[in-house]
């Protein structure tokens, strides 16, 4: 559950840190699952995993639909370390019922960066975007999108840590440095006034509203920075890209996980026609 301090800090800063969200065994299983994946070229597929299409090579390796990579990744969909907190910040405890699939993951991916790679600044309260919005009303949060970022490696100084501008989810004014540090080849958040690095140990996670201005520092150390990102919103949203969960994945998941991964229900209709005799009276009245 969410503590009063977590509520306060999330409202104030736009993010909270969850230390030791995953066990060492869980982290090891996830890293082993990544180790066996081939290195895809941009726009290539491996089963139902897809290397994201981007013209910014400095963002590193991104594989979309990472929950298709096996059981350790499937467990993250509704992991007990964060799912109740996600639920709380997306819509409030009094408006959700898991039996009706009220949460939805619109994007999930692994990001692997090496030396010299980063992502520039993006988002912010000034945009007013409904999908990423931060709202608090009548004692409940109503956030359009909550991002969960999980560290699979230790991320400290010079490791290319995630950077955020605390409080920027409520800002009405665009950051003066945004234009020169926006997502693009070679961009990072290192020189942005007010931005802080969020250092994490492997197994830690950060949970933040997408409206907060965020990005990363540029990695200058050797080795890899590995993170997983799951983006949750209300079930009436849609996929950010054109992906869909595979039939094989849906067959393996629990009912609750299915509701979060694919809450959309088909309305089954059997074509039929009204009995003509039932329409006669109405036709006569219309003719008169």
Protein backbone atom coordinates (compact mmCIF):
# COMPACT_ATOMS: atom_id res chain seq x y z
CA UNK A 1 0.00 0.00 0.00
CA UNK A 2 0.95 3.67 -0.25
CA UNK A 3 2.18 5.32 2.93
CA UNK A 4 1.23 8.90 3.85
CA UNK A 5 4.86 9.95 3.26
CA UNK A 6 4.88 8.36 -0.20
CA UNK A 7 1.66 10.20 -1.04
CA UNK A 8 3.17 13.49 0.10
CA UNK A 9 6.45 13.02 -1.76
CA UNK A 10 4.71 11.87 -4.94
CA UNK A 11 2.43 14.90 -4.86
CA UNK A 12 5.34 17.23 -4.09
CA UNK A 13 8.03 15.83 -6.39
CA UNK A 14 6.17 13.74 -8.96
CA UNK A 15 8.07 10.53 -8.17
CA UNK A 16 8.96 8.09 -5.42
CA UNK A 17 11.75 5.53 -5.14
CA UNK A 18 11.04 1.91 -4.19
CA UNK A 19 14.17 0.35 -2.72
CA UNK A 20 14.65 -3.43 -3.06
CA UNK A 21 11.45 -3.78 -5.08
CA UNK A 22 12.89 -6.97 -6.58
CA UNK A 23 14.94 -9.67 -4.90
CA UNK A 24 18.45 -10.58 -6.05
CA UNK A 25 17.06 -13.80 -7.50
CA UNK A 26 14.44 -11.91 -9.50
CA UNK A 27 17.07 -9.51 -10.83
CA UNK A 28 19.36 -12.40 -11.79
CA UNK A 29 16.52 -14.18 -13.62
CA UNK A 30 15.66 -11.04 -15.57
CA UNK A 31 19.28 -10.41 -16.54
CA UNK A 32 19.68 -14.02 -17.67
CA UNK A 33 16.56 -13.60 -19.76
CA UNK A 34 18.11 -10.58 -21.46
CA UNK A 35 21.47 -12.28 -21.93
CA UNK A 36 19.98 -14.92 -24.22
CA UNK A 37 18.26 -12.42 -26.53
CA UNK A 38 19.98 -11.79 -29.87
CA UNK A 39 21.10 -8.30 -30.75
CA UNK A 40 18.53 -7.12 -33.25
CA UNK A 41 18.90 -4.41 -35.82
CA UNK A 42 16.40 -1.55 -35.77
CA UNK A 43 12.89 -2.73 -36.77
CA UNK A 44 13.78 -6.43 -36.49
CA UNK A 45 11.66 -8.94 -34.57
CA UNK A 46 12.55 -11.84 -32.31
CA UNK A 47 9.34 -13.70 -31.68
CA UNK A 48 7.04 -11.00 -30.35
CA UNK A 49 9.88 -8.70 -29.25
CA UNK A 50 10.60 -5.74 -31.50
CA UNK A 51 13.58 -3.42 -31.63
CA UNK A 52 12.14 0.07 -31.56
CA UNK A 53 12.40 2.17 -34.68
CA UNK A 54 14.37 5.35 -33.96
CA UNK A 55 16.82 7.55 -35.79
CA UNK A 56 18.62 8.41 -32.53
CA UNK A 57 21.36 5.79 -32.12
CA UNK A 58 22.58 7.42 -28.89
CA UNK A 59 19.45 6.24 -27.04
CA UNK A 60 20.81 2.70 -26.95
CA UNK A 61 19.07 -0.63 -27.48
CA UNK A 62 15.30 -0.70 -26.89
CA UNK A 63 13.24 -3.89 -27.15
CA UNK A 64 9.50 -3.30 -27.00
CA UNK A 65 6.94 -5.78 -25.59
CA UNK A 66 9.44 -7.12 -23.06
CA UNK A 67 6.72 -8.95 -21.13
CA UNK A 68 6.83 -11.43 -24.04
CA UNK A 69 10.38 -12.49 -23.03
CA UNK A 70 9.38 -15.17 -20.51
CA UNK A 71 8.04 -15.88 -17.03
CA UNK A 72 10.37 -13.54 -15.07
CA UNK A 73 9.10 -10.63 -17.17
CA UNK A 74 5.45 -11.68 -16.95
CA UNK A 75 5.64 -11.51 -13.15
CA UNK A 76 6.33 -7.78 -13.39
CA UNK A 77 2.89 -7.02 -14.82
CA UNK A 78 1.23 -7.08 -11.39
CA UNK A 79 4.20 -7.45 -9.05
CA UNK A 80 3.20 -6.91 -5.40
CA UNK A 81 6.03 -4.44 -4.80
CA UNK A 82 4.29 -1.79 -6.88
CA UNK A 83 0.92 -2.77 -8.32
CA UNK A 84 -1.16 -1.33 -5.45
CA UNK A 85 0.83 1.90 -5.65
CA UNK A 86 0.31 2.12 -9.41
CA UNK A 87 -3.38 1.56 -8.86
CA UNK A 88 -3.49 4.26 -6.19
CA UNK A 89 -1.83 6.96 -8.28
CA UNK A 90 -3.59 6.17 -11.55
CA UNK A 91 -7.08 6.35 -10.18
CA UNK A 92 -7.52 6.25 -6.42
CA UNK A 93 -8.46 3.38 -4.15
CA UNK A 94 -12.21 4.08 -4.34
CA UNK A 95 -12.53 3.96 -8.11
CA UNK A 96 -10.81 0.69 -9.01
CA UNK A 97 -11.77 -2.95 -9.05
CA UNK A 98 -9.36 -5.48 -10.48
CA UNK A 99 -12.29 -7.62 -11.56
CA UNK A 100 -13.05 -5.04 -14.23
CA UNK A 101 -9.52 -4.55 -15.54
CA UNK A 102 -9.11 -0.90 -14.63
CA UNK A 103 -5.34 -0.71 -15.21
CA UNK A 104 -3.66 -0.99 -18.58
CA UNK A 105 -0.02 -1.26 -19.71
CA UNK A 106 0.24 0.75 -22.91
CA UNK A 107 4.00 0.23 -23.35
CA UNK A 108 6.73 -1.95 -21.85
CA UNK A 109 10.35 -2.26 -22.89
CA UNK A 110 13.95 -2.88 -21.91
CA UNK A 111 16.52 -0.13 -22.41
CA UNK A 112 20.22 -1.03 -22.54
CA UNK A 113 22.74 1.80 -22.80
CA UNK A 114 26.48 1.80 -23.08
CA UNK A 115 29.18 4.45 -22.80
CA UNK A 116 28.24 7.73 -24.51
CA UNK A 117 24.50 7.01 -24.66
CA UNK A 118 21.63 8.93 -23.06
CA UNK A 119 18.18 10.37 -23.68
CA UNK A 120 17.33 14.05 -23.70
CA UNK A 121 14.78 15.99 -21.67
CA UNK A 122 11.09 15.51 -22.39
CA UNK A 123 7.63 16.02 -20.93
CA UNK A 124 6.64 18.55 -18.25
CA UNK A 125 3.49 19.99 -16.70
CA UNK A 126 3.52 22.87 -19.18
CA UNK A 127 2.36 20.58 -22.01
CA UNK A 128 -1.06 19.92 -20.45
CA UNK A 129 -1.21 16.56 -22.21
CA UNK A 130 -4.19 14.51 -21.02
CA UNK A 131 -2.43 11.18 -21.45
CA UNK A 132 0.42 12.16 -19.14
CA UNK A 133 -1.46 14.50 -16.83
CA UNK A 134 -1.14 14.79 -13.05
CA UNK A 135 -4.34 15.39 -11.11
CA UNK A 136 -5.38 15.25 -7.47
CA UNK A 137 -9.00 15.86 -6.55
CA UNK A 138 -11.30 15.07 -3.63
CA UNK A 139 -8.61 13.10 -1.83
CA UNK A 140 -7.61 10.91 -4.78
CA UNK A 141 -4.95 10.91 -7.47
CA UNK A 142 -6.06 10.71 -11.10
CA UNK A 143 -2.89 10.48 -13.17
CA UNK A 144 -3.08 9.67 -16.87
CA UNK A 145 0.13 7.66 -16.92
CA UNK A 146 2.46 6.27 -14.28
CA UNK A 147 5.89 5.05 -15.35
CA UNK A 148 7.64 2.27 -13.48
CA UNK A 149 11.39 2.14 -14.10
CA UNK A 150 13.25 -0.90 -12.73
CA UNK A 151 17.05 -1.03 -12.42
CA UNK A 152 18.66 -4.34 -13.39
CA UNK A 153 22.18 -2.98 -12.83
CA UNK A 154 23.56 -0.61 -10.22
CA UNK A 155 23.18 2.95 -11.49
CA UNK A 156 25.32 5.55 -9.76
CA UNK A 157 27.74 8.31 -10.72
CA UNK A 158 28.60 8.33 -14.45
CA UNK A 159 26.31 5.36 -15.13
CA UNK A 160 23.75 7.35 -17.12
CA UNK A 161 21.17 7.62 -14.34
CA UNK A 162 17.59 8.66 -14.93
CA UNK A 163 17.19 12.39 -14.26
CA UNK A 164 14.05 14.23 -13.22
CA UNK A 165 13.12 17.81 -12.36
CA UNK A 166 11.21 17.50 -9.06
CA UNK A 167 7.91 19.39 -9.09
CA UNK A 168 7.95 19.97 -12.86
CA UNK A 169 4.77 17.89 -13.24
CA UNK A 170 2.92 20.92 -11.85
CA UNK A 171 4.82 23.59 -13.74
CA UNK A 172 2.89 25.94 -16.03
CA UNK A 173 6.06 27.29 -17.61
CA UNK A 174 8.37 25.54 -20.05
CA UNK A 175 11.93 25.02 -18.82
CA UNK A 176 14.23 27.54 -20.60
CA UNK A 177 16.79 24.74 -21.20
CA UNK A 178 14.31 22.32 -22.76
CA UNK A 179 14.86 23.33 -26.38
CA UNK A 180 18.64 22.82 -26.24
CA UNK A 181 18.41 19.51 -24.36
CA UNK A 182 15.37 17.94 -26.00
CA UNK A 183 15.38 14.31 -27.15
CA UNK A 184 17.67 14.01 -30.14
CA UNK A 185 21.00 12.62 -31.20
CA UNK A 186 23.58 13.26 -28.49
CA UNK A 187 21.11 14.93 -26.08
CA UNK A 188 21.14 14.39 -22.32
CA UNK A 189 19.91 16.16 -19.19
CA UNK A 190 23.35 16.75 -17.64
CA UNK A 191 23.38 20.53 -18.11
CA UNK A 192 19.74 21.22 -17.15
CA UNK A 193 19.30 23.46 -14.10
CA UNK A 194 17.07 21.88 -11.43
CA UNK A 195 17.43 18.31 -12.70
CA UNK A 196 18.70 15.61 -10.33
CA UNK A 197 20.06 12.10 -10.88
CA UNK A 198 18.14 9.24 -9.30
CA UNK A 199 20.72 6.63 -8.31
CA UNK A 200 19.54 3.06 -7.82
CA UNK A 201 20.86 -0.33 -6.91
CA UNK A 202 19.87 -3.32 -9.03
CA UNK A 203 16.37 -4.28 -7.92
CA UNK A 204 15.31 -0.74 -6.99
CA UNK A 205 12.55 1.00 -8.93
CA UNK A 206 11.24 4.51 -9.35
CA UNK A 207 7.62 5.32 -9.93
CA UNK A 208 6.81 8.67 -11.55
CA UNK A 209 4.01 10.48 -13.30
CA UNK A 210 4.83 10.92 -16.97
CA UNK A 211 4.11 14.66 -16.73
CA UNK A 212 7.35 15.19 -14.81
CA UNK A 213 10.22 16.46 -16.97
CA UNK A 214 12.68 13.59 -17.26
CA UNK A 215 15.49 12.05 -19.29
CA UNK A 216 18.93 10.78 -18.35
CA UNK A 217 22.54 11.68 -17.81
CA UNK A 218 25.05 10.51 -20.39
CA UNK A 219 26.81 7.31 -19.42
CA UNK A 220 30.59 7.78 -19.25
CA UNK A 221 31.50 4.52 -17.50
CA UNK A 222 32.23 1.31 -19.37
CA UNK A 223 29.65 -1.45 -19.28
CA UNK A 224 25.86 -1.45 -19.56
CA UNK A 225 22.98 0.36 -17.91
CA UNK A 226 19.95 -1.94 -17.95
CA UNK A 227 16.44 -0.82 -17.05
CA UNK A 228 12.91 -2.06 -17.63
CA UNK A 229 10.05 0.38 -18.13
CA UNK A 230 6.35 -0.40 -17.73
CA UNK A 231 3.86 2.41 -18.40
CA UNK A 232 0.47 2.09 -16.70
CA UNK A 233 -2.69 4.08 -17.23
CA UNK A 234 -6.47 3.65 -17.01
CA UNK A 235 -8.03 0.85 -19.04
CA UNK A 236 -9.79 3.25 -21.40
CA UNK A 237 -6.41 4.18 -22.90
CA UNK A 238 -4.82 2.52 -25.89
CA UNK A 239 -1.43 1.21 -26.93
CA UNK A 240 1.17 3.90 -27.54
CA UNK A 241 2.37 2.00 -30.61
CA UNK A 242 0.63 -0.65 -32.69
CA UNK A 243 1.64 -3.65 -30.57
CA UNK A 244 -0.73 -6.26 -29.15
CA UNK A 245 -0.01 -9.06 -26.66
CA UNK A 246 0.47 -12.41 -28.34
CA UNK A 247 -2.17 -15.17 -28.02
CA UNK A 248 0.53 -17.33 -26.40
CA UNK A 249 1.17 -14.71 -23.72
CA UNK A 250 -2.52 -14.26 -22.98
CA UNK A 251 -2.90 -18.02 -22.59
CA UNK A 252 -0.15 -18.07 -19.95
CA UNK A 253 -1.25 -15.10 -17.87
CA UNK A 254 -3.55 -15.04 -14.86
CA UNK A 255 -6.96 -13.41 -15.27
CA UNK A 256 -5.78 -10.31 -13.43
CA UNK A 257 -2.70 -10.01 -15.61
CA UNK A 258 -4.80 -10.42 -18.76
CA UNK A 259 -7.03 -7.56 -17.64
CA UNK A 260 -4.01 -5.31 -17.25
CA UNK A 261 -2.32 -6.36 -20.50
CA UNK A 262 -5.44 -6.41 -22.69
CA UNK A 263 -8.56 -5.07 -20.95
CA UNK A 264 -10.50 -4.59 -24.18
CA UNK A 265 -13.51 -6.84 -24.60
CA UNK A 266 -15.11 -7.76 -27.92
CA UNK A 267 -18.85 -7.13 -28.15
CA UNK A 268 -20.22 -10.27 -29.73
CA UNK A 269 -23.18 -9.66 -32.00
CA UNK A 270 -25.24 -12.19 -33.89
CA UNK A 271 -26.70 -10.48 -36.97
CA UNK A 272 -30.50 -10.51 -36.86
CA UNK A 273 -33.51 -8.63 -38.13
CA UNK A 274 -36.62 -7.55 -36.32
CA UNK A 275 -39.81 -9.40 -37.08
CA UNK A 276 -41.54 -7.32 -39.77
CA UNK A 277 -44.87 -7.62 -37.98
CA UNK A 278 -43.48 -5.72 -35.00
CA UNK A 279 -42.71 -2.73 -37.18
CA UNK A 280 -46.11 -2.34 -38.87
CA UNK A 281 -47.72 -0.22 -36.19
CA UNK A 282 -44.82 2.17 -36.15
CA UNK A 283 -44.86 2.50 -39.92
CA UNK A 284 -48.56 3.36 -39.91
CA UNK A 285 -48.17 5.99 -37.24
CA UNK A 286 -45.29 7.57 -39.15
CA UNK A 287 -47.34 7.60 -42.37
CA UNK A 288 -50.15 9.46 -40.63
